Amino acid sequence: MLTTKNDWLEICFKMMYEYLPKSFQNFESREKFNIISIHAESIEEYAVRLRGDKYGIDSISLDFCDYDYNLANGYNKVAKHEQALKWFFKGLGYIEDCPDKEYSRIIDFYSNLSSVYQELGRYHEGEEWANKALSVCKKYYDDDDLRAAAAYNNIAVSQMYQGKFDNVLELNLKALEIRKMKSSEESEDVANTSSNIGFYYKTIGEFDDALKWYTKAMNIRENIFGKINLSFANSCSGVADIYKYKADYDKALEYYQTALESRKAILKEEHTDVALSYNDIAIVYDHTGNFDEALKWNSKALEIVQKILGENHPYTATTYANTAGIYYRKGDYKKSLEYHYKALEIKERLLGNQHTDVAISYNNIAVLNYAMKDYDESLKWNLKALVIFEISPMKEHPDTAAVYNNLGNIFYCKNDLNKALEWYFKDLSIIEKVYGSEHPVTINAYKNIAEIYKEISDYEKAEEYYKKAL
């Protein structure tokens, strides 16, 4: 009869050891279990057996909630999030019904439910469960408890994905303060919060700050785990993102490849994190004009996300949008528009029509209509995007600048040069601040303004901006 966690782990190892890569066979028990959780394909059958259904255990002790908890984490790691929810709720039910409640376990379940809902793109529910975790933590533990820090992080991430930026930095800094105080400057928890802060700065377009925080997280994780680790891989992707935004594509590709190598060493090929790496690499090739190579990597990503996540997930929408972008730059506008509408349909269904991610899709469709010389249709979609961007924290973001640039282009083609100049200067006011004066995007803005001044016969001003573009 199984009565202890050690009995369960021993059986678990015997039954699932075949799924372990040989390189992991010298790991300690806990690390072995984490890897088994990633690689095992039939763990639910084992869990049912171990929970007592085939061993004749008459009553379920609280120890068995840990089995449900670990099983749920295993499903979460292989991107089977609905199954993860099932087992988290199953374990949580036993704990909440127990007369002698263990609130630390309840908080752990609440926090993990928050994380799973985030993975599913259901950020409002993610925020609700994180707030539940924080409420229990404040009631039964100190305000500076590490579990409170985890809740602050989860609330911040959920809010940011909902486009609610006002409290995100404050929540992350609260989490960081607690984690530094309770662990150390070089702990995994500090790395996690540093990464979240990097993501916040990336989202609002402050790339130098984003690079600082992402690099801090990456260095801590490499020191703790080495390079074959999922957290390290995520940090590499974050650093690569910033180099991509800075148009340093060689550096971006280097870090994306490092992330991919780490993920493939740990995960199966058909995992969303592997798809993420494929997508990232596709984007770099797209930006450097190697469209066939970009489509090759993108199609590998799309095949995985369609199979695992289906048609109702934010990441599927992102992958469709990336596919559309490649076809656009390849000159296949019809194919591009098809994929942009696929992306928009998912985003509006999940996020509503006032979210900045939806605004990005509006802008993408506007760009396509401009390329097809349908300027009135392009103007309509650009203005829809602008309404959202200008009331969001992204009003100083490059994506907002792109809308201004698009509007300048439209009015230039309509021969309304004064209006075009007005929008081009709005574009320049953002990108000069974000990218500096030597970035290709900034140089293009200088050229646009110079062309307008030339057309209205203000040759002195035209020369000034042509010189800036040199």
Protein backbone atom coordinates (compact mmCIF):
# COMPACT_ATOMS: atom_id res chain seq x y z
CA MET A 1 0.00 0.00 0.00
CA LEU A 2 1.30 3.46 -0.90
CA THR A 3 1.24 5.91 1.99
CA THR A 4 4.17 8.27 1.57
CA LYS A 5 5.51 10.65 -1.01
CA ASN A 6 8.75 8.63 -1.20
CA ASP A 7 6.79 5.46 -2.09
CA TRP A 8 5.03 7.42 -4.81
CA LEU A 9 8.23 8.91 -6.20
CA GLU A 10 9.95 5.53 -6.26
CA ILE A 11 7.12 3.96 -8.25
CA CYS A 12 6.95 7.05 -10.45
CA PHE A 13 10.66 6.74 -11.29
CA LYS A 14 10.36 3.03 -12.07
CA MET A 15 7.33 3.49 -14.29
CA MET A 16 8.54 6.57 -16.16
CA TYR A 17 12.31 6.25 -16.18
CA GLU A 18 12.21 5.20 -19.83
CA TYR A 19 11.18 8.77 -20.73
CA LEU A 20 14.33 10.29 -19.23
CA PRO A 21 17.10 11.31 -21.63
CA LYS A 22 20.34 9.57 -20.66
CA SER A 23 22.00 12.91 -19.96
CA PHE A 24 19.63 13.43 -17.01
CA GLN A 25 20.11 10.10 -15.23
CA ASN A 26 22.48 11.49 -12.60
CA PHE A 27 20.08 14.17 -11.34
CA GLU A 28 18.80 14.21 -7.78
CA SER A 29 15.27 12.91 -7.13
CA ARG A 30 13.45 16.21 -7.22
CA GLU A 31 15.17 17.29 -10.42
CA LYS A 32 14.43 13.89 -11.95
CA PHE A 33 10.78 14.31 -11.20
CA ASN A 34 10.66 17.74 -12.83
CA ILE A 35 12.17 16.34 -16.00
CA ILE A 36 9.85 13.31 -15.93
CA SER A 37 6.97 15.78 -15.73
CA ILE A 38 8.18 17.26 -19.00
CA HIS A 39 8.90 14.04 -20.88
CA ALA A 40 6.27 11.56 -19.73
CA GLU A 41 3.36 11.07 -22.14
CA SER A 42 1.00 8.92 -20.05
CA ILE A 43 1.46 10.37 -16.59
CA GLU A 44 -2.27 10.61 -15.90
CA GLU A 45 -2.62 6.81 -16.08
CA TYR A 46 0.24 6.47 -13.61
CA ALA A 47 -1.23 9.13 -11.35
CA VAL A 48 -4.63 7.41 -11.21
CA ARG A 49 -2.88 4.17 -10.31
CA LEU A 50 -0.77 5.86 -7.67
CA ARG A 51 -3.62 7.85 -6.13
CA GLY A 52 -5.23 4.56 -5.16
CA ASP A 53 -7.63 3.55 -7.89
CA LYS A 54 -5.62 0.42 -8.62
CA TYR A 55 -3.94 0.01 -5.23
CA GLY A 56 -7.05 -0.24 -3.09
CA ILE A 57 -6.43 2.81 -0.93
CA ASP A 58 -9.72 3.52 0.84
CA SER A 59 -9.15 7.12 1.90
CA ILE A 60 -7.31 10.03 0.35
CA SER A 61 -4.84 11.80 2.63
CA LEU A 62 -3.61 15.33 2.06
CA ASP A 63 -0.32 13.88 0.83
CA PHE A 64 -2.16 12.80 -2.30
CA CYS A 65 -2.94 16.44 -3.08
CA ASP A 66 0.79 16.80 -3.74
CA TYR A 67 0.48 14.10 -6.39
CA ASP A 68 -2.32 16.06 -8.06
CA TYR A 69 -0.23 19.23 -7.75
CA ASN A 70 2.83 17.61 -9.36
CA LEU A 71 0.73 15.99 -12.07
CA ALA A 72 -0.88 19.35 -12.88
CA ASN A 73 2.57 20.96 -13.11
CA GLY A 74 3.65 18.15 -15.44
CA TYR A 75 0.75 18.85 -17.77
CA ASN A 76 1.43 22.58 -17.62
CA LYS A 77 5.03 22.00 -18.66
CA VAL A 78 3.97 20.04 -21.75
CA ALA A 79 1.45 22.80 -22.63
CA LYS A 80 -1.61 20.66 -21.79
CA HIS A 81 -3.14 23.47 -19.81
CA GLU A 82 -6.73 22.22 -19.62
CA GLN A 83 -5.52 18.96 -18.06
CA ALA A 84 -3.38 21.01 -15.68
CA LEU A 85 -6.46 22.95 -14.57
CA LYS A 86 -8.36 19.69 -14.00
CA TRP A 87 -5.73 18.31 -11.63
CA PHE A 88 -5.06 21.61 -9.84
CA PHE A 89 -8.78 21.93 -9.09
CA LYS A 90 -8.93 18.27 -8.01
CA GLY A 91 -6.13 18.73 -5.48
CA LEU A 92 -7.45 22.10 -4.35
CA GLY A 93 -10.85 20.57 -3.62
CA TYR A 94 -9.33 18.13 -1.12
CA ILE A 95 -7.39 20.87 0.66
CA GLU A 96 -10.28 23.32 0.88
CA ASP A 97 -12.59 20.60 2.25
CA CYS A 98 -10.11 19.57 4.93
CA PRO A 99 -11.07 20.83 8.44
CA ASP A 100 -7.44 21.61 9.30
CA LYS A 101 -6.60 23.75 6.31
CA GLU A 102 -2.97 24.22 5.27
CA TYR A 103 -3.05 27.74 3.91
CA SER A 104 0.43 27.58 2.42
CA ARG A 105 -0.78 24.79 0.11
CA ILE A 106 -3.94 26.71 -0.76
CA ILE A 107 -1.81 29.72 -1.77
CA ASP A 108 0.39 27.49 -3.95
CA PHE A 109 -2.66 26.09 -5.74
CA TYR A 110 -4.16 29.57 -6.24
CA SER A 111 -0.85 30.90 -7.62
CA ASN A 112 -0.47 28.01 -10.03
CA LEU A 113 -4.05 28.37 -11.23
CA SER A 114 -3.22 32.00 -11.96
CA SER A 115 -0.21 30.93 -14.02
CA VAL A 116 -2.18 28.34 -16.01
CA TYR A 117 -4.91 30.84 -16.84
CA GLN A 118 -2.19 33.20 -18.08
CA GLU A 119 -0.85 30.42 -20.32
CA LEU A 120 -4.37 29.97 -21.70
CA GLY A 121 -4.62 33.69 -22.45
CA ARG A 122 -7.40 34.10 -19.88
CA TYR A 123 -5.67 36.95 -18.10
CA HIS A 124 -8.68 38.27 -16.20
CA GLU A 125 -9.06 34.87 -14.49
CA GLY A 126 -5.30 34.78 -13.94
CA GLU A 127 -5.55 38.08 -12.09
CA GLU A 128 -8.51 36.83 -10.01
CA TRP A 129 -6.62 33.75 -8.76
CA ALA A 130 -3.48 35.79 -8.06
CA ASN A 131 -5.56 38.21 -5.97
CA LYS A 132 -7.03 35.25 -4.09
CA ALA A 133 -3.51 34.03 -3.32
CA LEU A 134 -2.47 37.48 -2.12
CA SER A 135 -5.57 37.83 0.06
CA VAL A 136 -4.95 34.51 1.85
CA CYS A 137 -1.26 35.33 2.22
CA LYS A 138 -1.94 38.71 3.84
CA LYS A 139 -4.51 37.17 6.18
CA TYR A 140 -2.39 34.30 7.50
CA TYR A 141 1.23 35.35 6.84
CA ASP A 142 3.43 38.44 6.90
CA ASP A 143 3.20 41.10 4.18
CA ASP A 144 6.78 40.30 3.17
CA ASP A 145 6.17 36.55 2.73
CA LEU A 146 7.66 35.07 -0.45
CA ARG A 147 4.23 33.82 -1.46
CA ALA A 148 3.02 37.42 -1.46
CA ALA A 149 5.86 38.26 -3.86
CA ALA A 150 4.69 35.49 -6.21
CA ALA A 151 1.15 36.87 -6.07
CA TYR A 152 2.36 40.41 -6.83
CA ASN A 153 4.22 39.06 -9.87
CA ASN A 154 1.20 37.14 -11.13
CA ILE A 155 -1.10 40.14 -10.72
CA ALA A 156 1.40 42.33 -12.58
CA VAL A 157 1.74 39.91 -15.50
CA SER A 158 -2.03 39.41 -15.77
CA GLN A 159 -2.68 43.16 -15.71
CA MET A 160 -0.03 43.89 -18.30
CA TYR A 161 -1.48 41.39 -20.76
CA GLN A 162 -4.87 43.03 -20.26
CA GLY A 163 -3.33 46.39 -21.18
CA LYS A 164 -3.59 47.71 -17.59
CA PHE A 165 -0.12 49.21 -17.04
CA ASP A 166 -0.68 51.72 -14.22
CA ASN A 167 0.37 49.47 -11.31
CA VAL A 168 2.56 46.94 -13.10
CA LEU A 169 5.96 48.40 -12.23
CA GLU A 170 4.96 49.08 -8.61
CA LEU A 171 3.75 45.48 -8.16
CA ASN A 172 6.95 44.06 -9.65
CA LEU A 173 9.15 46.28 -7.49
CA LYS A 174 7.22 45.14 -4.38
CA ALA A 175 7.90 41.54 -5.38
CA LEU A 176 11.57 42.33 -6.02
CA GLU A 177 12.01 44.00 -2.63
CA ILE A 178 10.56 40.99 -0.80
CA ARG A 179 12.61 38.49 -2.77
CA LYS A 180 15.86 40.33 -2.24
CA MET A 181 15.16 40.55 1.48
CA LYS A 182 14.06 36.90 1.90
CA SER A 183 16.57 35.21 -0.40
CA SER A 184 19.48 36.98 -2.07
CA GLU A 185 20.41 39.29 -4.94
CA GLU A 186 21.36 36.25 -7.03
CA SER A 187 18.35 34.02 -6.37
CA GLU A 188 16.01 32.45 -8.92
CA ASP A 189 13.13 34.55 -7.54
CA VAL A 190 15.06 37.78 -8.12
CA ALA A 191 15.81 36.63 -11.67
CA ASN A 192 12.10 35.96 -12.28
CA THR A 193 11.05 39.40 -11.11
CA SER A 194 13.89 41.08 -13.01
CA SER A 195 12.67 39.36 -16.16
CA ASN A 196 9.12 40.61 -15.54
CA ILE A 197 10.43 44.17 -15.14
CA GLY A 198 12.37 43.76 -18.38
CA PHE A 199 9.16 42.66 -20.09
CA TYR A 200 7.34 45.71 -18.74
CA TYR A 201 9.99 48.12 -20.09
CA LYS A 202 10.01 46.30 -23.45
CA THR A 203 6.24 46.64 -23.69
CA ILE A 204 6.31 50.40 -23.14
CA GLY A 205 9.23 50.83 -25.55
CA GLU A 206 12.04 51.70 -23.10
CA PHE A 207 14.53 49.27 -24.58
CA ASP A 208 17.71 50.26 -22.74
CA ASP A 209 16.02 49.64 -19.39
CA ALA A 210 14.52 46.43 -20.75
CA LEU A 211 17.95 45.15 -21.84
CA LYS A 212 19.41 45.91 -18.41
CA TRP A 213 16.75 43.89 -16.56
CA TYR A 214 16.67 41.01 -19.04
CA THR A 215 20.47 40.70 -18.93
CA LYS A 216 20.40 40.70 -15.12
CA ALA A 217 17.88 37.84 -15.14
CA MET A 218 19.87 35.90 -17.76
CA ASN A 219 23.15 36.15 -15.86
CA ILE A 220 21.57 35.02 -12.58
CA ARG A 221 19.88 32.04 -14.25
CA GLU A 222 23.05 30.97 -16.04
CA ASN A 223 24.98 31.09 -12.75
CA ILE A 224 22.35 28.99 -11.00
CA PHE A 225 21.28 26.51 -13.70
CA GLY A 226 23.78 26.64 -16.53
CA LYS A 227 22.73 26.97 -20.17
CA ILE A 228 20.50 23.89 -20.46
CA ASN A 229 17.57 25.33 -18.57
CA LEU A 230 14.18 26.72 -19.60
CA SER A 231 14.42 29.85 -17.47
CA PHE A 232 17.83 30.64 -18.96
CA ALA A 233 16.35 30.09 -22.45
CA ASN A 234 13.51 32.52 -21.69
CA SER A 235 16.04 35.15 -20.61
CA CYS A 236 18.02 34.66 -23.82
CA SER A 237 14.82 35.25 -25.80
CA GLY A 238 14.16 38.43 -23.83
CA VAL A 239 17.65 39.77 -24.51
CA ALA A 240 17.32 38.81 -28.19
CA ASP A 241 13.99 40.67 -28.42
CA ILE A 242 15.67 43.90 -27.38
CA TYR A 243 18.53 43.49 -29.87
CA LYS A 244 15.91 42.87 -32.55
CA TYR A 245 14.14 46.13 -31.63
CA LYS A 246 17.51 47.88 -31.79
CA ALA A 247 18.05 46.39 -35.29
CA ASP A 248 21.14 44.44 -34.15
CA TYR A 249 19.97 41.31 -35.96
CA ASP A 250 23.21 39.33 -35.65
CA LYS A 251 23.06 39.63 -31.86
CA ALA A 252 19.34 38.86 -31.87
CA LEU A 253 19.84 35.69 -33.92
CA GLU A 254 22.71 34.59 -31.66
CA TYR A 255 20.58 34.77 -28.52
CA TYR A 256 17.50 33.26 -30.19
CA GLN A 257 19.60 30.29 -31.35
CA THR A 258 20.97 29.83 -27.83
CA ALA A 259 17.41 29.79 -26.49
CA LEU A 260 16.34 27.22 -29.09
CA GLU A 261 19.27 24.91 -28.34
CA SER A 262 18.45 25.00 -24.63
CA ARG A 263 14.73 24.35 -25.16
CA LYS A 264 15.26 21.47 -27.59
CA ALA A 265 17.72 19.82 -25.19
CA ILE A 266 14.97 19.67 -22.55
CA LEU A 267 11.59 19.66 -24.31
CA LYS A 268 10.01 17.61 -27.02
CA GLU A 269 9.96 19.08 -30.51
CA GLU A 270 6.21 19.75 -30.31
CA HIS A 271 6.19 22.24 -27.47
CA THR A 272 5.04 25.84 -27.46
CA ASP A 273 8.42 27.07 -26.19
CA VAL A 274 10.13 25.44 -29.16
CA ALA A 275 7.53 27.05 -31.44
CA LEU A 276 8.33 30.39 -29.81
CA SER A 277 12.00 29.99 -30.74
CA TYR A 278 11.09 29.07 -34.32
CA ASN A 279 8.90 32.15 -34.55
CA ASP A 280 11.60 34.42 -33.12
CA ILE A 281 14.17 33.16 -35.62
CA ALA A 282 11.65 33.58 -38.46
CA ILE A 283 11.16 37.23 -37.50
CA VAL A 284 14.90 37.94 -37.63
CA TYR A 285 15.18 36.40 -41.12
CA ASP A 286 12.12 38.41 -42.12
CA HIS A 287 13.74 41.65 -40.95
CA THR A 288 16.92 40.86 -42.87
CA GLY A 289 15.00 40.19 -46.10
CA ASN A 290 15.50 36.42 -46.22
CA PHE A 291 11.78 35.70 -46.66
CA ASP A 292 11.97 32.08 -47.77
CA GLU A 293 14.05 31.20 -44.72
CA ALA A 294 11.62 33.18 -42.57
CA LEU A 295 8.63 31.25 -43.92
CA LYS A 296 10.41 27.95 -43.33
CA TRP A 297 10.92 28.69 -39.62
CA ASN A 298 7.49 30.29 -39.30
CA SER A 299 5.69 27.25 -40.75
CA LYS A 300 7.41 25.02 -38.18
CA ALA A 301 6.09 27.29 -35.42
CA LEU A 302 2.58 27.48 -36.89
CA GLU A 303 2.27 23.70 -37.16
CA ILE A 304 3.06 23.31 -33.45
CA VAL A 305 0.76 26.06 -32.11
CA GLN A 306 -2.19 24.95 -34.24
CA LYS A 307 -1.82 21.40 -32.96
CA ILE A 308 -1.27 22.24 -29.29
CA LEU A 309 -3.10 25.52 -28.67
CA GLY A 310 -5.79 25.51 -31.36
CA GLU A 311 -7.52 28.57 -32.78
CA ASN A 312 -8.46 30.33 -29.54
CA HIS A 313 -5.13 31.36 -28.03
CA PRO A 314 -3.14 34.64 -28.13
CA TYR A 315 0.01 32.90 -29.29
CA THR A 316 -1.80 31.39 -32.28
CA ALA A 317 -2.87 34.93 -33.17
CA THR A 318 0.73 36.15 -32.82
CA THR A 319 1.99 33.39 -35.11
CA TYR A 320 -0.66 34.22 -37.73
CA ALA A 321 0.36 37.89 -37.54
CA ASN A 322 4.02 36.94 -38.04
CA THR A 323 3.07 34.81 -41.05
CA ALA A 324 1.12 37.75 -42.47
CA GLY A 325 4.10 40.05 -42.00
CA ILE A 326 6.40 37.77 -43.97
CA TYR A 327 3.94 37.48 -46.87
CA TYR A 328 3.52 41.27 -46.83
CA ARG A 329 7.23 41.89 -47.21
CA LYS A 330 7.37 39.14 -49.83
CA GLY A 331 4.75 41.11 -51.80
CA ASP A 332 1.92 38.58 -51.49
CA TYR A 333 -0.69 41.01 -50.09
CA LYS A 334 -3.68 38.71 -50.53
CA LYS A 335 -2.06 35.98 -48.44
CA SER A 336 -0.91 38.53 -45.90
CA LEU A 337 -4.40 39.97 -45.45
CA GLU A 338 -5.82 36.47 -44.97
CA TYR A 339 -3.49 35.81 -42.03
CA HIS A 340 -3.96 39.26 -40.49
CA TYR A 341 -7.73 38.73 -40.40
CA LYS A 342 -7.17 35.32 -38.74
CA ALA A 343 -5.04 37.03 -36.08
CA LEU A 344 -7.55 39.84 -35.57
CA GLU A 345 -10.48 37.46 -35.16
CA ILE A 346 -8.73 35.64 -32.30
CA LYS A 347 -7.58 38.86 -30.60
CA GLU A 348 -10.99 40.51 -30.67
CA ARG A 349 -12.61 37.35 -29.34
CA LEU A 350 -10.15 37.06 -26.44
CA LEU A 351 -9.30 40.69 -25.68
CA GLY A 352 -12.19 42.84 -26.91
CA ASN A 353 -11.76 45.76 -29.32
CA GLN A 354 -9.98 48.25 -27.04
CA HIS A 355 -6.76 46.32 -26.36
CA THR A 356 -3.40 47.47 -27.73
CA ASP A 357 -2.79 44.05 -29.32
CA VAL A 358 -6.00 44.56 -31.29
CA ALA A 359 -4.77 48.03 -32.28
CA ILE A 360 -1.60 46.45 -33.65
CA SER A 361 -3.73 44.23 -35.89
CA TYR A 362 -5.75 47.25 -37.04
CA ASN A 363 -2.49 48.96 -37.95
CA ASN A 364 -1.23 45.90 -39.83
CA ILE A 365 -4.40 45.79 -41.92
CA ALA A 366 -4.06 49.52 -42.55
CA VAL A 367 -0.53 49.01 -43.88
CA LEU A 368 -1.73 46.31 -46.26
CA ASN A 369 -4.53 48.48 -47.64
CA TYR A 370 -2.00 51.28 -48.16
CA ALA A 371 0.24 48.90 -50.09
CA MET A 372 -2.76 48.01 -52.26
CA LYS A 373 -3.36 51.76 -52.79
CA ASP A 374 -6.73 51.74 -51.04
CA TYR A 375 -5.95 54.90 -49.05
CA ASP A 376 -9.43 55.50 -47.65
CA GLU A 377 -9.61 51.96 -46.25
CA SER A 378 -6.09 52.34 -44.87
CA LEU A 379 -7.05 55.63 -43.20
CA LYS A 380 -10.06 53.98 -41.55
CA TRP A 381 -7.99 51.17 -39.99
CA ASN A 382 -5.18 53.52 -38.92
CA LEU A 383 -7.59 55.80 -37.07
CA LYS A 384 -9.15 52.78 -35.31
CA ALA A 385 -5.66 51.84 -34.10
CA LEU A 386 -4.79 55.39 -33.09
CA VAL A 387 -7.85 55.76 -30.86
CA ILE A 388 -6.60 52.82 -28.77
CA PHE A 389 -2.91 53.69 -28.73
CA GLU A 390 -3.33 57.33 -27.69
CA ILE A 391 -5.24 56.45 -24.51
CA SER A 392 -2.88 53.62 -23.56
CA PRO A 393 0.57 53.55 -21.94
CA MET A 394 1.88 52.83 -25.45
CA LYS A 395 1.29 56.40 -26.64
CA GLU A 396 5.10 56.89 -26.76
CA HIS A 397 5.78 53.41 -28.19
CA PRO A 398 7.23 52.65 -31.67
CA ASP A 399 3.94 50.96 -32.61
CA THR A 400 2.15 54.28 -32.09
CA ALA A 401 4.87 56.02 -34.08
CA ALA A 402 4.24 53.53 -36.89
CA VAL A 403 0.59 54.63 -37.04
CA TYR A 404 1.69 58.28 -37.25
CA ASN A 405 4.07 57.37 -40.07
CA ASN A 406 1.33 55.48 -41.89
CA LEU A 407 -1.00 58.48 -41.62
CA GLY A 408 1.74 60.71 -43.00
CA ASN A 409 2.13 58.36 -45.95
CA ILE A 410 -1.61 58.34 -46.63
CA PHE A 411 -1.94 62.13 -46.62
CA TYR A 412 1.17 62.42 -48.78
CA CYS A 413 -0.46 60.16 -51.37
CA LYS A 414 -3.65 62.21 -51.10
CA ASN A 415 -1.47 65.29 -51.80
CA ASP A 416 -2.34 66.91 -48.47
CA LEU A 417 1.29 67.78 -47.73
CA ASN A 418 0.76 69.93 -44.65
CA LYS A 419 -1.24 67.16 -42.99
CA ALA A 420 1.40 64.63 -44.00
CA LEU A 421 4.13 66.79 -42.45
CA GLU A 422 2.17 67.06 -39.21
CA TRP A 423 1.95 63.25 -38.88
CA TYR A 424 5.58 62.70 -39.87
CA PHE A 425 6.73 65.02 -37.09
CA LYS A 426 4.55 63.12 -34.59
CA ASP A 427 6.26 59.93 -35.77
CA LEU A 428 9.71 61.50 -35.43
CA SER A 429 9.04 62.79 -31.89
CA ILE A 430 8.71 59.19 -30.67
CA ILE A 431 11.26 57.26 -32.68
CA GLU A 432 14.06 59.79 -32.23
CA LYS A 433 13.59 59.41 -28.48
CA VAL A 434 13.34 55.61 -28.56
CA TYR A 435 15.95 54.73 -31.20
CA GLY A 436 18.25 57.73 -31.42
CA SER A 437 19.26 59.57 -34.58
CA GLU A 438 21.18 56.78 -36.37
CA HIS A 439 18.59 54.01 -36.41
CA PRO A 440 17.26 53.09 -39.90
CA VAL A 441 13.69 53.92 -38.84
CA THR A 442 14.75 57.40 -37.67
CA ILE A 443 16.72 58.00 -40.85
CA ASN A 444 13.64 57.09 -42.90
CA ALA A 445 11.61 59.63 -40.90
CA TYR A 446 14.17 62.35 -41.68
CA LYS A 447 13.91 61.48 -45.39
CA ASN A 448 10.10 61.64 -45.32
CA ILE A 449 10.18 65.12 -43.78
CA ALA A 450 12.87 66.28 -46.18
CA GLU A 451 10.76 65.12 -49.15
CA ILE A 452 7.75 67.11 -47.94
CA TYR A 453 9.81 70.29 -47.49
CA LYS A 454 11.25 69.80 -50.96
CA GLU A 455 7.76 69.48 -52.49
CA ILE A 456 6.54 72.65 -50.79
CA SER A 457 9.72 74.44 -51.97
CA ASP A 458 11.21 74.97 -48.51
CA TYR A 459 14.67 73.95 -49.71
CA GLU A 460 16.51 75.12 -46.62
CA LYS A 461 14.46 72.86 -44.38
CA ALA A 462 14.70 70.04 -46.91
CA GLU A 463 18.49 70.27 -46.88
CA GLU A 464 18.52 70.27 -43.05
CA TYR A 465 16.64 66.96 -42.86
CA TYR A 466 18.48 65.38 -45.78
CA LYS A 467 21.71 66.05 -43.89
CA LYS A 468 20.25 64.45 -40.76
CA ALA A 469 19.53 61.36 -42.85
CA LEU A 470 23.14 61.00 -44.01
